[in-house]
Amino acid sequence: MSFESAKLLEAIIETAIDGIITIDSKGHVESINPAALQLFGYSAEEVIGNNISMLMPEPDKSRHDSYIANYKNTGHRKIIGIGREVLGLKKDGTTFPFRLAVSEVFYKDKSIFTGFIHDLTKEKAAEDRLLQHTLELEETVRHRTKDLISLVSELERAKADVSNSLEKEKELNQLKSRFVSMASHEFRTPLSSVNLSASLIDKYVEQERLDSVAKHTNRIKGAVQLLNNILNDFLSLEKLEAGVVVVNQQTINVVHLGEEITGEMQMICKKNQHIVYQHTGAHAEFDLDAHLLKSSIINLISNAIKYSGEDTFIEFTTEITDDICTIVIKDNGIGIPEEDQKNLFEPFFRAHNTGNIPGTGLGLNIVKRYVALMNGELEYWSALNQGTSFKMTFRK
């Protein structure tokens, strides 16, 4: 190496923002740059010549010599470790996290091991703050979900008590209106905050692969999806009851819509749940209302996800033949008891085997009315513990 190259290399090491330490084959420190000295709180004289284990907390401190011995016995060369997260021991006895990459260099007939140290203190602190923020938001969502379920129960009790009395009907409508007003104001802000937090945590998961953060992200997304579904159901019902739903029938690409919905809904599936979409027919276009159709399909697939277990498939098929468009969503879930099927499309009705699975009992009523607005027909088949299938048929 020329004198100029050696000086350039020395300048790069001295000014590097990450710590750089070199050790011999016995683990003794040969050099340490200013960034590493600042991280560990030592002077160069205190470190050079000593075993590198002085910068390690237990158990790595006691095991370091065996690491080098094991490496020598394997006969591997080049890279020893890339991006391993470890703890460093400062002079004052405190520890800090860093990412360590180690490589072996042959220089002047001997092996030199070079360690590159990237301090993770600030990143870990940011992750801890995000995790705490996530837990607080999750608690907020849990409380609001509890309030929402309580209010839905109140609505169901009110419906059961409604008689032919106009006064009773008026009270129920007022109760529904109060719920819609409350939901619109009380849930939009926390939903936005939770979504933002989940997006930030996803970014850190991609960078750091933190399983614990990913778990809380999924919980938040599940709560957001639940609240969104409930809110959308009530807002859709209000529009239907008010007669302000406008049908915008136009030529749409059913296949593109199906693929888009499949991608969106797959993100909220349970563990190893898979939505299998398939289209049959030479044509992909049909005259339908894209918004009403998408809302109907999403509602049916959401039910299939909720009422099916993990490790299951949800079949989603579309078919266009001549002047008929057929859409089928089929699951292998808990099914609908035969005695409950006669009330299946009544608003607020839920089958008795749904247990603690959240829902408003409005989804199927909304789907049936949307399908009717598009001049279609809605059919179904279901058996207890065998699954459920819904079929929408539209004709030109």
Protein backbone atom coordinates (compact mmCIF):
# COMPACT_ATOMS: atom_id res chain seq x y z
CA MET A 1 0.00 0.00 0.00
CA SER A 2 1.43 3.43 -0.96
CA PHE A 3 2.07 6.13 1.63
CA GLU A 4 -0.78 8.25 0.23
CA SER A 5 -3.23 5.31 0.35
CA ALA A 6 -2.23 4.52 3.91
CA LYS A 7 -2.79 8.14 4.99
CA LEU A 8 -6.18 8.22 3.25
CA LEU A 9 -7.26 4.99 4.96
CA GLU A 10 -6.12 6.35 8.31
CA ALA A 11 -8.09 9.57 7.77
CA ILE A 12 -11.25 7.63 6.84
CA ILE A 13 -11.00 5.48 9.99
CA GLU A 14 -10.27 8.46 12.26
CA THR A 15 -13.26 10.47 10.99
CA ALA A 16 -15.78 7.62 10.63
CA ILE A 17 -19.06 8.20 12.49
CA ASP A 18 -19.21 4.48 13.42
CA GLY A 19 -16.75 2.80 15.78
CA ILE A 20 -13.96 0.70 14.24
CA ILE A 21 -11.78 -1.65 16.33
CA THR A 22 -9.09 -4.10 15.17
CA ILE A 23 -7.88 -7.08 17.22
CA ASP A 24 -5.30 -9.81 16.68
CA SER A 25 -6.00 -13.55 16.58
CA LYS A 26 -5.77 -13.70 20.38
CA GLY A 27 -8.37 -10.99 20.91
CA HIS A 28 -6.00 -8.18 21.86
CA VAL A 29 -6.95 -4.69 20.69
CA GLU A 30 -4.51 -3.28 18.13
CA SER A 31 -6.34 -0.09 17.19
CA ILE A 32 -9.54 1.81 18.07
CA ASN A 33 -10.87 4.93 16.35
CA PRO A 34 -12.22 8.10 18.09
CA ALA A 35 -15.88 7.18 17.46
CA ALA A 36 -15.42 3.86 19.32
CA LEU A 37 -13.54 5.56 22.16
CA GLN A 38 -16.41 8.01 22.59
CA LEU A 39 -18.98 5.20 22.62
CA PHE A 40 -17.17 3.17 25.29
CA GLY A 41 -15.82 6.14 27.30
CA TYR A 42 -12.15 5.08 27.29
CA SER A 43 -8.91 6.61 26.07
CA ALA A 44 -6.85 4.72 23.48
CA GLU A 45 -4.12 3.94 26.05
CA GLU A 46 -6.66 2.22 28.30
CA VAL A 47 -7.84 -0.13 25.57
CA ILE A 48 -4.98 -0.91 23.16
CA GLY A 49 -3.14 -4.08 24.16
CA ASN A 50 -5.97 -5.36 26.35
CA ASN A 51 -8.39 -8.16 25.48
CA ILE A 52 -11.46 -6.97 23.57
CA SER A 53 -13.63 -8.72 26.20
CA MET A 54 -13.14 -5.67 28.44
CA LEU A 55 -15.75 -3.96 26.25
CA MET A 56 -18.29 -6.78 26.62
CA PRO A 57 -20.84 -7.52 29.38
CA GLU A 58 -21.57 -11.09 30.47
CA PRO A 59 -22.10 -13.66 29.05
CA ASP A 60 -20.17 -12.53 25.94
CA LYS A 61 -17.25 -11.37 28.10
CA SER A 62 -16.47 -14.92 29.31
CA ARG A 63 -17.21 -16.53 25.97
CA HIS A 64 -15.23 -14.26 23.65
CA ASP A 65 -12.05 -16.36 23.51
CA SER A 66 -14.14 -19.43 22.65
CA TYR A 67 -15.79 -17.47 19.81
CA ILE A 68 -12.39 -16.93 18.18
CA ALA A 69 -11.36 -20.55 18.81
CA ASN A 70 -14.56 -21.88 17.30
CA TYR A 71 -14.07 -19.65 14.30
CA LYS A 72 -10.53 -20.94 13.76
CA ASN A 73 -11.69 -24.57 13.98
CA THR A 74 -14.40 -24.09 11.33
CA GLY A 75 -11.93 -22.93 8.69
CA HIS A 76 -14.34 -20.25 7.40
CA ARG A 77 -12.92 -17.05 5.96
CA LYS A 78 -14.06 -13.59 4.92
CA ILE A 79 -17.15 -12.41 6.84
CA ILE A 80 -17.65 -13.61 10.42
CA GLY A 81 -20.80 -11.64 11.36
CA ILE A 82 -23.07 -9.19 9.59
CA GLY A 83 -25.49 -6.95 11.46
CA ARG A 84 -25.58 -8.91 14.73
CA GLU A 85 -27.12 -6.88 17.56
CA VAL A 86 -25.08 -7.06 20.78
CA LEU A 87 -24.48 -5.06 23.97
CA GLY A 88 -21.35 -3.03 24.71
CA LEU A 89 -19.91 -2.35 28.19
CA LYS A 90 -18.86 1.25 28.84
CA LYS A 91 -16.12 2.34 31.23
CA ASP A 92 -18.74 3.54 33.73
CA GLY A 93 -20.30 0.06 33.85
CA THR A 94 -23.41 0.86 31.80
CA THR A 95 -24.32 -1.02 28.63
CA PHE A 96 -25.62 0.14 25.25
CA PRO A 97 -26.95 -1.68 22.17
CA PHE A 98 -25.08 -1.69 18.88
CA ARG A 99 -25.02 -3.53 15.56
CA LEU A 100 -21.73 -5.39 15.05
CA ALA A 101 -20.20 -6.50 11.77
CA VAL A 102 -16.85 -8.34 11.88
CA SER A 103 -14.50 -9.24 9.03
CA GLU A 104 -11.11 -10.95 8.85
CA VAL A 105 -8.24 -9.27 7.01
CA PHE A 106 -4.87 -10.85 6.20
CA TYR A 107 -2.19 -8.20 6.61
CA LYS A 108 1.62 -8.72 6.82
CA ASP A 109 1.29 -12.52 7.17
CA LYS A 110 -1.17 -12.41 10.05
CA SER A 111 -4.91 -12.31 10.63
CA ILE A 112 -6.52 -9.11 11.85
CA PHE A 113 -10.17 -8.98 12.84
CA THR A 114 -11.96 -5.68 12.23
CA GLY A 115 -15.18 -4.83 14.06
CA PHE A 116 -17.56 -2.14 12.79
CA ILE A 117 -19.81 -0.74 15.54
CA HIS A 118 -23.06 1.15 14.81
CA ASP A 119 -24.69 2.63 17.93
CA LEU A 120 -28.40 1.72 18.23
CA THR A 121 -29.15 3.67 21.42
CA LYS A 122 -31.31 6.34 19.77
CA GLU A 123 -33.08 3.84 17.52
CA LYS A 124 -33.95 1.55 20.45
CA ALA A 125 -35.21 4.53 22.47
CA ALA A 126 -37.44 5.55 19.54
CA GLU A 127 -38.77 1.98 19.29
CA ASP A 128 -39.56 1.97 23.02
CA ARG A 129 -41.46 5.25 22.68
CA LEU A 130 -43.41 3.91 19.71
CA LEU A 131 -44.23 0.72 21.56
CA GLN A 132 -45.49 2.69 24.56
CA HIS A 133 -47.56 4.90 22.26
CA THR A 134 -48.96 1.76 20.62
CA LEU A 135 -49.97 0.27 23.95
CA GLU A 136 -51.69 3.50 24.98
CA LEU A 137 -53.58 3.68 21.68
CA GLU A 138 -54.53 0.02 21.96
CA GLU A 139 -55.99 0.68 25.41
CA THR A 140 -57.95 3.65 24.03
CA VAL A 141 -59.34 1.51 21.20
CA ARG A 142 -60.26 -1.24 23.68
CA HIS A 143 -62.27 1.17 25.84
CA ARG A 144 -64.02 2.72 22.85
CA THR A 145 -64.81 -0.70 21.41
CA LYS A 146 -66.35 -1.70 24.74
CA ASP A 147 -68.49 1.46 24.71
CA LEU A 148 -69.52 0.76 21.14
CA ILE A 149 -70.54 -2.83 21.87
CA SER A 150 -72.53 -1.60 24.87
CA LEU A 151 -74.33 0.90 22.67
CA VAL A 152 -75.05 -1.74 20.02
CA SER A 153 -76.56 -3.94 22.75
CA GLU A 154 -78.74 -1.01 23.76
CA LEU A 155 -79.90 -0.69 20.15
CA GLU A 156 -80.72 -4.40 19.99
CA ARG A 157 -82.74 -4.22 23.22
CA ALA A 158 -84.57 -1.17 21.89
CA LYS A 159 -85.42 -3.02 18.67
CA ALA A 160 -86.77 -6.01 20.64
CA ASP A 161 -89.07 -3.71 22.61
CA VAL A 162 -90.41 -1.85 19.60
CA SER A 163 -94.08 -2.48 19.00
CA ASN A 164 -96.47 -0.94 16.52
CA SER A 165 -96.38 2.21 18.58
CA LEU A 166 -95.22 5.21 16.56
CA GLU A 167 -93.70 6.65 19.70
CA LYS A 168 -91.53 3.54 20.20
CA GLU A 169 -90.39 3.67 16.58
CA LYS A 170 -89.51 7.34 16.99
CA GLU A 171 -87.40 6.56 20.07
CA LEU A 172 -85.48 3.86 18.17
CA ASN A 173 -84.74 6.19 15.28
CA GLN A 174 -83.52 8.84 17.71
CA LEU A 175 -81.27 6.26 19.36
CA LYS A 176 -79.81 5.25 15.99
CA SER A 177 -79.26 8.89 15.06
CA ARG A 178 -77.46 9.54 18.33
CA PHE A 179 -75.22 6.55 17.67
CA VAL A 180 -74.33 7.72 14.16
CA SER A 181 -73.53 11.19 15.48
CA MET A 182 -71.42 9.78 18.33
CA ALA A 183 -69.60 7.32 16.09
CA SER A 184 -68.72 9.97 13.52
CA HIS A 185 -67.17 12.28 16.11
CA GLU A 186 -65.79 9.86 18.71
CA PHE A 187 -64.12 7.28 16.49
CA ARG A 188 -62.58 9.13 13.55
CA THR A 189 -59.79 10.80 15.55
CA PRO A 190 -58.53 7.68 17.39
CA LEU A 191 -58.83 5.63 14.20
CA SER A 192 -56.56 8.08 12.38
CA SER A 193 -54.06 8.09 15.24
CA VAL A 194 -53.97 4.31 15.47
CA ASN A 195 -53.51 3.97 11.71
CA LEU A 196 -50.61 6.44 11.78
CA SER A 197 -48.96 4.61 14.66
CA ALA A 198 -49.36 1.25 12.94
CA SER A 199 -47.74 2.63 9.78
CA LEU A 200 -44.76 3.98 11.76
CA ILE A 201 -44.31 0.70 13.59
CA ASP A 202 -44.48 -1.24 10.30
CA LYS A 203 -41.58 0.88 9.08
CA TYR A 204 -39.50 -0.04 12.12
CA VAL A 205 -40.46 -3.70 11.79
CA GLU A 206 -39.06 -3.72 8.25
CA GLN A 207 -35.81 -2.22 9.51
CA GLU A 208 -35.35 -4.06 12.80
CA ARG A 209 -37.62 -7.15 12.49
CA LEU A 210 -39.14 -6.66 15.94
CA ASP A 211 -41.69 -9.44 16.49
CA SER A 212 -43.19 -7.75 19.55
CA VAL A 213 -43.90 -4.53 17.66
CA ALA A 214 -45.40 -6.52 14.79
CA LYS A 215 -47.77 -8.26 17.23
CA HIS A 216 -49.08 -4.94 18.58
CA THR A 217 -49.37 -3.60 15.04
CA ASN A 218 -51.68 -6.47 14.12
CA ARG A 219 -53.79 -5.86 17.23
CA ILE A 220 -54.20 -2.20 16.40
CA LYS A 221 -55.07 -2.97 12.77
CA GLY A 222 -57.66 -5.49 13.92
CA ALA A 223 -59.27 -2.96 16.23
CA VAL A 224 -59.24 -0.32 13.51
CA GLN A 225 -60.87 -2.72 11.07
CA LEU A 226 -63.57 -3.61 13.60
CA LEU A 227 -64.41 0.02 14.34
CA ASN A 228 -64.34 0.94 10.65
CA ASN A 229 -66.71 -1.92 9.78
CA ILE A 230 -69.17 -0.98 12.51
CA LEU A 231 -69.05 2.69 11.59
CA ASN A 232 -69.52 1.97 7.88
CA ASP A 233 -72.45 -0.36 8.59
CA PHE A 234 -74.35 2.30 10.52
CA LEU A 235 -73.60 5.06 8.04
CA SER A 236 -74.70 2.80 5.15
CA LEU A 237 -77.92 1.91 6.97
CA GLU A 238 -78.70 5.59 7.57
CA LYS A 239 -78.31 6.36 3.86
CA LEU A 240 -80.49 3.41 2.87
CA GLU A 241 -83.20 4.36 5.37
CA ALA A 242 -83.10 7.96 4.14
CA GLY A 243 -83.37 6.81 0.51
CA VAL A 244 -80.33 8.84 -0.57
CA VAL A 245 -78.25 5.98 -2.01
CA VAL A 246 -77.66 6.78 -5.68
CA VAL A 247 -76.93 3.88 -8.05
CA ASN A 248 -74.19 4.70 -10.55
CA GLN A 249 -74.51 1.80 -12.99
CA GLN A 250 -71.65 1.73 -15.53
CA THR A 251 -69.31 -0.71 -17.23
CA ILE A 252 -66.64 -1.90 -14.77
CA ASN A 253 -63.84 -4.46 -14.94
CA VAL A 254 -65.02 -7.14 -12.52
CA VAL A 255 -61.68 -8.98 -12.57
CA HIS A 256 -59.65 -5.88 -11.64
CA LEU A 257 -62.12 -5.13 -8.84
CA GLY A 258 -61.92 -8.71 -7.58
CA GLU A 259 -58.11 -8.69 -7.51
CA GLU A 260 -58.11 -5.32 -5.72
CA ILE A 261 -60.53 -6.54 -3.04
CA THR A 262 -58.58 -9.79 -2.59
CA GLY A 263 -55.36 -7.85 -1.96
CA GLU A 264 -57.00 -5.52 0.56
CA MET A 265 -58.86 -8.23 2.48
CA GLN A 266 -55.90 -10.62 2.60
CA MET A 267 -54.14 -8.07 4.83
CA ILE A 268 -56.72 -8.56 7.62
CA CYS A 269 -56.98 -12.35 7.40
CA LYS A 270 -56.23 -14.55 10.40
CA LYS A 271 -53.07 -16.65 10.63
CA ASN A 272 -52.70 -18.80 7.49
CA GLN A 273 -56.12 -17.75 6.19
CA HIS A 274 -56.00 -17.35 2.43
CA ILE A 275 -58.48 -15.78 0.01
CA VAL A 276 -58.43 -17.67 -3.30
CA TYR A 277 -59.81 -15.55 -6.15
CA GLN A 278 -60.71 -17.02 -9.57
CA HIS A 279 -62.56 -15.63 -12.59
CA THR A 280 -64.32 -17.72 -15.22
CA GLY A 281 -65.34 -16.48 -18.64
CA ALA A 282 -63.80 -14.74 -21.63
CA HIS A 283 -65.16 -11.33 -20.64
CA ALA A 284 -64.20 -9.23 -17.61
CA GLU A 285 -66.56 -6.23 -17.95
CA PHE A 286 -70.16 -5.85 -16.78
CA ASP A 287 -72.58 -2.99 -16.03
CA LEU A 288 -72.67 -2.56 -12.23
CA ASP A 289 -72.19 0.07 -9.53
CA ALA A 290 -68.52 -0.31 -8.51
CA HIS A 291 -69.00 1.22 -5.04
CA LEU A 292 -72.07 -0.81 -4.09
CA LEU A 293 -70.56 -4.02 -5.48
CA LYS A 294 -67.24 -3.53 -3.68
CA SER A 295 -69.02 -2.76 -0.39
CA SER A 296 -71.15 -5.91 -0.76
CA ILE A 297 -68.18 -8.19 -1.55
CA ILE A 298 -66.05 -6.74 1.27
CA ASN A 299 -68.92 -7.27 3.72
CA LEU A 300 -69.32 -10.92 2.71
CA ILE A 301 -65.56 -11.63 2.77
CA SER A 302 -65.28 -9.89 6.17
CA ASN A 303 -67.93 -12.27 7.50
CA ALA A 304 -66.06 -15.24 6.00
CA ILE A 305 -62.86 -14.12 7.75
CA LYS A 306 -64.60 -13.52 11.10
CA TYR A 307 -66.53 -16.78 11.18
CA SER A 308 -63.76 -19.04 9.87
CA GLY A 309 -60.76 -20.26 11.80
CA GLU A 310 -57.03 -20.06 11.16
CA ASP A 311 -55.43 -22.25 8.44
CA THR A 312 -58.51 -22.06 6.19
CA PHE A 313 -59.31 -21.00 2.63
CA ILE A 314 -61.97 -18.52 1.53
CA GLU A 315 -63.15 -19.03 -2.04
CA PHE A 316 -64.00 -15.90 -4.02
CA THR A 317 -65.14 -16.47 -7.63
CA THR A 318 -66.58 -14.32 -10.39
CA GLU A 319 -68.09 -15.53 -13.65
CA ILE A 320 -69.45 -13.68 -16.68
CA THR A 321 -71.38 -15.68 -19.27
CA ASP A 322 -73.51 -14.04 -21.94
CA ASP A 323 -75.69 -11.53 -20.05
CA ILE A 324 -75.17 -12.89 -16.52
CA CYS A 325 -72.57 -12.00 -13.90
CA THR A 326 -72.26 -14.33 -10.90
CA ILE A 327 -70.20 -13.66 -7.76
CA VAL A 328 -69.72 -16.28 -5.03
CA ILE A 329 -68.01 -16.08 -1.61
CA LYS A 330 -67.64 -19.40 0.18
CA ASP A 331 -66.06 -20.32 3.53
CA ASN A 332 -65.68 -23.39 5.74
CA GLY A 333 -66.53 -21.62 8.98
CA ILE A 334 -69.01 -22.09 11.81
CA GLY A 335 -72.06 -21.89 9.53
CA ILE A 336 -75.53 -20.52 10.31
CA PRO A 337 -77.94 -22.63 12.39
CA GLU A 338 -81.00 -23.65 10.38
CA GLU A 339 -83.42 -22.12 12.89
CA ASP A 340 -81.69 -18.72 12.55
CA GLN A 341 -81.65 -18.60 8.76
CA LYS A 342 -85.21 -17.26 8.45
CA ASN A 343 -84.11 -14.03 10.18
CA LEU A 344 -80.73 -13.80 8.46
CA PHE A 345 -81.38 -10.54 6.59
CA GLU A 346 -83.23 -8.74 9.38
CA PRO A 347 -81.36 -5.64 10.63
CA PHE A 348 -79.54 -6.12 13.96
CA PHE A 349 -80.07 -9.89 13.84
CA ARG A 350 -77.15 -12.17 14.72
CA ALA A 351 -77.14 -15.98 14.82
CA HIS A 352 -76.97 -17.46 18.31
CA ASN A 353 -73.66 -19.30 17.60
CA THR A 354 -71.63 -16.13 16.93
CA GLY A 355 -70.63 -15.88 20.61
CA ASN A 356 -68.18 -13.07 21.31
CA ILE A 357 -67.32 -12.48 17.66
CA PRO A 358 -67.91 -8.73 17.13
CA GLY A 359 -70.52 -7.46 14.68
CA THR A 360 -73.61 -5.28 14.33
CA GLY A 361 -76.02 -7.64 12.58
CA LEU A 362 -76.45 -5.06 9.80
CA GLY A 363 -74.04 -6.32 7.13
CA LEU A 364 -76.24 -8.87 5.36
CA ASN A 365 -79.24 -6.53 5.44
CA ILE A 366 -77.12 -3.87 3.72
CA VAL A 367 -75.72 -6.34 1.17
CA LYS A 368 -79.19 -7.59 0.22
CA ARG A 369 -80.46 -4.04 -0.27
CA TYR A 370 -77.38 -3.03 -2.30
CA VAL A 371 -77.80 -6.09 -4.55
CA ALA A 372 -81.49 -5.25 -5.02
CA LEU A 373 -80.60 -1.64 -5.96
CA MET A 374 -78.42 -3.09 -8.76
CA ASN A 375 -81.37 -5.31 -9.86
CA GLY A 376 -79.58 -8.44 -8.67
CA GLU A 377 -80.45 -11.47 -6.57
CA LEU A 378 -78.76 -12.72 -3.39
CA GLU A 379 -78.86 -16.42 -2.51
CA TYR A 380 -77.12 -18.40 0.20
CA TRP A 381 -76.41 -21.87 1.52
CA SER A 382 -75.20 -22.68 5.03
CA ALA A 383 -74.93 -25.59 7.44
CA LEU A 384 -73.72 -25.67 11.03
CA ASN A 385 -69.94 -26.24 11.23
CA GLN A 386 -69.79 -26.83 7.47
CA GLY A 387 -69.50 -23.28 6.21
CA THR A 388 -71.51 -20.70 4.30
CA SER A 389 -71.79 -19.66 0.65
CA PHE A 390 -73.32 -16.44 -0.72
CA LYS A 391 -74.13 -16.01 -4.41
CA MET A 392 -74.92 -12.67 -6.12
CA THR A 393 -76.43 -12.85 -9.58
CA PHE A 394 -76.81 -9.86 -11.93
CA ARG A 395 -78.44 -9.76 -15.37
CA LYS A 396 -78.17 -7.13 -18.08
